[in-house]
N, C-alpha and C. Protein backbone atom coordinates (compact mmCIF):
# COMPACT_ATOMS: atom_id res chain seq x y z
N MET A 1 0.79 -1.01 0.03
CA MET A 1 -0.12 -0.03 0.07
C MET A 1 0.84 1.28 0.10
N LEU A 2 0.68 2.20 -0.84
CA LEU A 2 1.32 3.45 -0.82
C LEU A 2 1.05 4.19 0.39
N TRP A 3 2.06 5.10 0.87
CA TRP A 3 1.77 5.93 2.08
C TRP A 3 0.67 6.85 1.87
N SER A 4 0.64 7.35 0.54
CA SER A 4 -0.48 8.31 0.24
C SER A 4 -1.91 7.59 0.51
N GLU A 5 -2.09 6.35 0.34
CA GLU A 5 -3.29 5.65 0.59
C GLU A 5 -3.54 5.51 2.04
N VAL A 6 -2.48 5.12 2.79
CA VAL A 6 -2.64 5.15 4.28
C VAL A 6 -3.16 6.38 4.83
N ARG A 7 -2.50 7.50 4.41
CA ARG A 7 -2.90 8.87 4.83
C ARG A 7 -4.27 9.28 4.58
N GLU A 8 -4.79 8.64 3.49
CA GLU A 8 -6.20 9.01 3.01
C GLU A 8 -7.16 8.25 3.87
N LEU A 9 -6.79 6.87 4.13
CA LEU A 9 -7.67 6.10 4.96
C LEU A 9 -7.79 6.37 6.42
N PHE A 10 -6.60 6.74 6.95
CA PHE A 10 -6.45 7.12 8.55
C PHE A 10 -5.86 8.37 8.63
N PRO A 11 -6.44 9.48 8.45
CA PRO A 11 -5.96 10.79 8.48
C PRO A 11 -5.75 11.22 10.15
N ASN A 12 -4.69 11.67 10.24
CA ASN A 12 -4.19 12.34 11.70
C ASN A 12 -4.16 11.22 12.74
N GLN A 13 -3.55 10.17 12.32
CA GLN A 13 -3.47 9.05 13.41
C GLN A 13 -2.08 8.42 13.24
N TYR A 14 -1.59 7.83 14.43
CA TYR A 14 -0.45 6.95 14.44
C TYR A 14 -0.87 5.67 13.91
N VAL A 15 0.13 5.13 12.98
CA VAL A 15 -0.11 3.72 12.36
C VAL A 15 1.32 3.03 12.67
N LEU A 16 1.19 1.63 12.95
CA LEU A 16 2.16 0.72 12.82
C LEU A 16 2.15 0.14 11.64
N VAL A 17 3.30 0.24 10.78
CA VAL A 17 3.43 -0.24 9.48
C VAL A 17 4.66 -1.13 9.34
N LYS A 18 4.72 -1.67 8.36
CA LYS A 18 5.92 -2.62 7.88
C LYS A 18 6.38 -2.08 6.64
N GLU A 19 7.57 -1.95 6.63
CA GLU A 19 8.23 -1.37 5.34
C GLU A 19 8.37 -2.48 4.28
N LEU A 20 7.81 -2.08 3.05
CA LEU A 20 7.87 -3.06 1.86
C LEU A 20 8.79 -2.62 0.80
N LYS A 21 8.83 -1.33 0.49
CA LYS A 21 9.59 -0.79 -0.62
C LYS A 21 10.19 0.33 -0.11
N SER A 22 11.42 0.68 -0.49
CA SER A 22 12.15 1.91 0.00
C SER A 22 13.48 2.01 -0.83
N HIS A 23 13.92 3.31 -0.76
CA HIS A 23 15.40 3.43 -1.40
C HIS A 23 16.10 4.60 -0.58
N TYR A 24 17.34 4.59 -0.72
CA TYR A 24 18.22 5.47 -0.02
C TYR A 24 18.39 6.73 -0.91
N VAL A 25 18.51 7.85 -0.38
CA VAL A 25 18.94 9.12 -0.85
C VAL A 25 20.08 9.61 -0.02
N GLY A 26 21.22 9.53 -0.67
CA GLY A 26 22.46 9.80 0.05
C GLY A 26 22.74 8.52 0.92
N GLU A 27 23.66 8.74 1.86
CA GLU A 27 24.13 7.65 2.87
C GLU A 27 23.08 7.39 3.93
N HIS A 28 22.51 8.52 4.45
CA HIS A 28 21.76 8.50 5.62
C HIS A 28 20.26 8.83 5.63
N THR A 29 19.76 8.82 4.36
CA THR A 29 18.28 9.23 4.23
C THR A 29 17.49 7.97 3.65
N LEU A 30 16.40 7.51 4.23
CA LEU A 30 15.84 6.52 3.69
C LEU A 30 14.34 6.73 3.42
N HIS A 31 13.87 6.80 2.21
CA HIS A 31 12.50 7.17 1.82
C HIS A 31 11.75 5.78 1.58
N ILE A 32 10.51 5.67 2.39
CA ILE A 32 9.90 4.70 2.31
C ILE A 32 8.74 4.91 1.28
N GLU A 33 8.47 4.11 0.28
CA GLU A 33 7.49 4.24 -0.71
C GLU A 33 6.24 3.26 -0.40
N GLU A 34 6.56 2.09 -0.02
CA GLU A 34 5.32 1.30 0.14
C GLU A 34 5.42 0.51 1.57
N VAL A 35 4.12 0.40 2.12
CA VAL A 35 4.15 -0.17 3.50
C VAL A 35 2.97 -1.09 3.59
N ALA A 36 3.10 -2.02 4.56
CA ALA A 36 1.87 -2.95 4.99
C ALA A 36 1.23 -2.38 6.17
N LEU A 37 0.15 -2.06 6.25
CA LEU A 37 -0.37 -1.47 7.53
C LEU A 37 -0.68 -2.67 8.49
N VAL A 38 -0.20 -2.54 9.76
CA VAL A 38 -0.29 -3.54 10.73
C VAL A 38 -1.58 -3.32 11.70
N ARG A 39 -1.55 -1.88 11.99
CA ARG A 39 -2.79 -1.48 12.77
C ARG A 39 -2.66 0.04 13.09
N THR A 40 -3.65 0.71 13.43
CA THR A 40 -3.69 2.20 13.85
C THR A 40 -3.55 1.96 15.36
N ILE A 41 -3.04 3.24 15.81
CA ILE A 41 -2.78 3.52 17.17
C ILE A 41 -3.33 4.85 17.67
N SER A 42 -4.41 4.81 18.41
CA SER A 42 -5.06 5.96 18.77
C SER A 42 -4.44 6.85 20.05
N ASP A 43 -3.71 6.17 20.85
CA ASP A 43 -3.16 6.83 21.97
C ASP A 43 -1.64 7.18 21.81
N PRO A 44 -1.40 8.38 21.87
CA PRO A 44 0.05 8.89 21.57
C PRO A 44 1.06 8.26 22.56
N HIS A 45 0.67 7.89 23.77
CA HIS A 45 1.66 7.18 24.79
C HIS A 45 1.81 5.79 24.18
N GLN A 46 0.77 4.99 23.81
CA GLN A 46 0.94 3.88 23.27
C GLN A 46 1.62 3.74 22.03
N ALA A 47 1.55 4.82 21.18
CA ALA A 47 2.47 4.98 19.96
C ALA A 47 3.96 4.98 20.44
N TRP A 48 4.25 5.64 21.27
CA TRP A 48 5.71 5.84 21.84
C TRP A 48 6.19 4.43 22.48
N ILE A 49 5.33 3.67 23.14
CA ILE A 49 5.76 2.30 23.48
C ILE A 49 5.92 1.45 22.35
N GLU A 50 4.96 1.50 21.41
CA GLU A 50 5.17 0.59 20.27
C GLU A 50 6.32 0.95 19.41
N LEU A 51 6.83 2.30 19.35
CA LEU A 51 7.92 2.68 18.49
C LEU A 51 9.12 1.82 18.90
N PHE A 52 9.32 1.72 20.29
CA PHE A 52 10.53 1.15 20.79
C PHE A 52 10.48 -0.39 20.77
N SER A 53 9.24 -0.91 20.65
CA SER A 53 9.06 -2.37 20.84
C SER A 53 8.80 -3.06 19.53
N ALA A 54 8.64 -2.21 18.34
CA ALA A 54 8.32 -2.79 17.08
C ALA A 54 9.48 -3.69 16.58
N PRO A 55 9.12 -4.78 16.00
CA PRO A 55 10.24 -5.68 15.53
C PRO A 55 10.87 -5.00 14.13
N ALA A 56 11.94 -5.70 13.69
CA ALA A 56 12.73 -5.13 12.69
C ALA A 56 11.93 -4.91 11.50
N GLY A 57 12.05 -3.97 10.71
CA GLY A 57 11.16 -3.61 9.51
C GLY A 57 9.92 -2.95 9.78
N HIS A 58 9.55 -2.78 11.08
CA HIS A 58 8.32 -2.08 11.40
C HIS A 58 8.62 -0.96 12.13
N PHE A 59 7.68 0.14 11.99
CA PHE A 59 7.79 1.38 12.84
C PHE A 59 6.56 2.10 12.92
N VAL A 60 6.60 3.08 13.76
CA VAL A 60 5.31 3.86 14.04
C VAL A 60 5.59 5.19 13.34
N TYR A 61 4.58 5.67 12.67
CA TYR A 61 4.61 7.03 11.87
C TYR A 61 3.13 7.70 12.09
N HIS A 62 3.28 9.03 12.00
CA HIS A 62 1.95 9.71 12.02
C HIS A 62 1.51 10.08 10.58
N THR A 63 0.29 9.90 10.32
CA THR A 63 -0.26 10.16 9.00
C THR A 63 -0.30 11.62 8.58
N SER A 64 0.00 12.51 9.44
CA SER A 64 0.12 14.02 9.20
C SER A 64 1.23 14.17 8.20
N HIS A 65 2.16 13.30 8.13
CA HIS A 65 3.51 13.59 7.34
C HIS A 65 3.07 13.12 5.85
N PRO A 66 3.46 14.04 5.01
CA PRO A 66 3.23 13.86 3.57
C PRO A 66 4.06 12.54 2.90
N GLU A 67 5.30 12.50 3.50
CA GLU A 67 6.02 11.25 3.09
C GLU A 67 6.81 10.68 4.24
N ILE A 68 7.08 9.50 4.00
CA ILE A 68 8.17 8.86 5.12
C ILE A 68 9.54 9.02 4.76
N VAL A 69 10.11 9.78 5.62
CA VAL A 69 11.53 9.94 5.36
C VAL A 69 12.17 9.77 6.51
N ILE A 70 13.20 8.79 6.84
CA ILE A 70 13.80 8.44 7.96
C ILE A 70 15.23 8.73 7.99
N GLU A 71 15.88 9.69 8.84
CA GLU A 71 17.18 9.86 8.84
C GLU A 71 17.83 8.94 9.80
N LEU A 72 18.89 8.07 9.06
CA LEU A 72 19.52 6.99 9.76
C LEU A 72 20.77 7.55 10.52
N LYS A 73 20.87 7.17 11.79
CA LYS A 73 21.95 7.72 12.45
C LYS A 73 22.85 6.49 12.94
N THR A 74 24.15 6.61 12.79
CA THR A 74 24.94 5.60 13.26
C THR A 74 25.28 5.64 14.77
N LYS A 75 25.48 4.61 15.41
CA LYS A 75 25.65 4.72 16.93
C LYS A 75 27.15 5.04 17.14
N PRO A 76 27.28 5.94 17.91
CA PRO A 76 28.75 6.37 18.35
C PRO A 76 29.29 5.21 18.95
N MET A 77 30.72 5.14 18.91
CA MET A 77 31.50 3.93 19.62
C MET A 77 31.52 4.30 21.04
N VAL A 78 31.28 3.29 21.81
CA VAL A 78 31.32 3.51 23.21
C VAL A 78 32.43 2.58 23.75
N ARG A 79 33.30 3.09 24.39
CA ARG A 79 34.56 2.36 24.93
C ARG A 79 34.18 2.08 26.38
N ARG A 80 34.16 0.93 26.72
CA ARG A 80 34.12 0.42 28.08
C ARG A 80 35.31 0.19 28.80
N ARG A 81 35.49 0.29 29.81
CA ARG A 81 36.63 -0.18 30.59
C ARG A 81 36.50 -1.58 30.90
N SER A 82 37.56 -2.46 30.55
CA SER A 82 37.55 -3.94 30.79
C SER A 82 37.60 -3.98 32.38
N ILE A 83 36.99 -5.17 32.85
CA ILE A 83 36.89 -5.34 34.17
C ILE A 83 38.43 -5.65 34.68
N HIS A 84 39.07 -6.04 33.77
CA HIS A 84 40.66 -6.46 34.18
C HIS A 84 41.57 -5.24 34.01
N GLU A 85 41.23 -4.18 33.52
CA GLU A 85 42.01 -2.97 33.63
C GLU A 85 42.02 -2.36 34.85
N ASN A 86 43.19 -1.81 35.26
CA ASN A 86 43.42 -1.09 36.70
C ASN A 86 43.19 0.42 36.49
């Protein structure tokens, strides 16, 4: 389903979707073209919870956005001290 179709069917709602078709623009910008609607989420607090518990390839987005654009961030290196270091 195209994002424009999801927006038309479920205006001003949070939705849990699965990415079906996407492409990169540059190294760190992902444009999602097609999604599979999993379900709508009426409560913003529940949307926040779902965002962090969604399986890989799934995400929560609000239908007020004209397109799905995700800026990908790389995780900074975290150096931990070994328990054997003095």
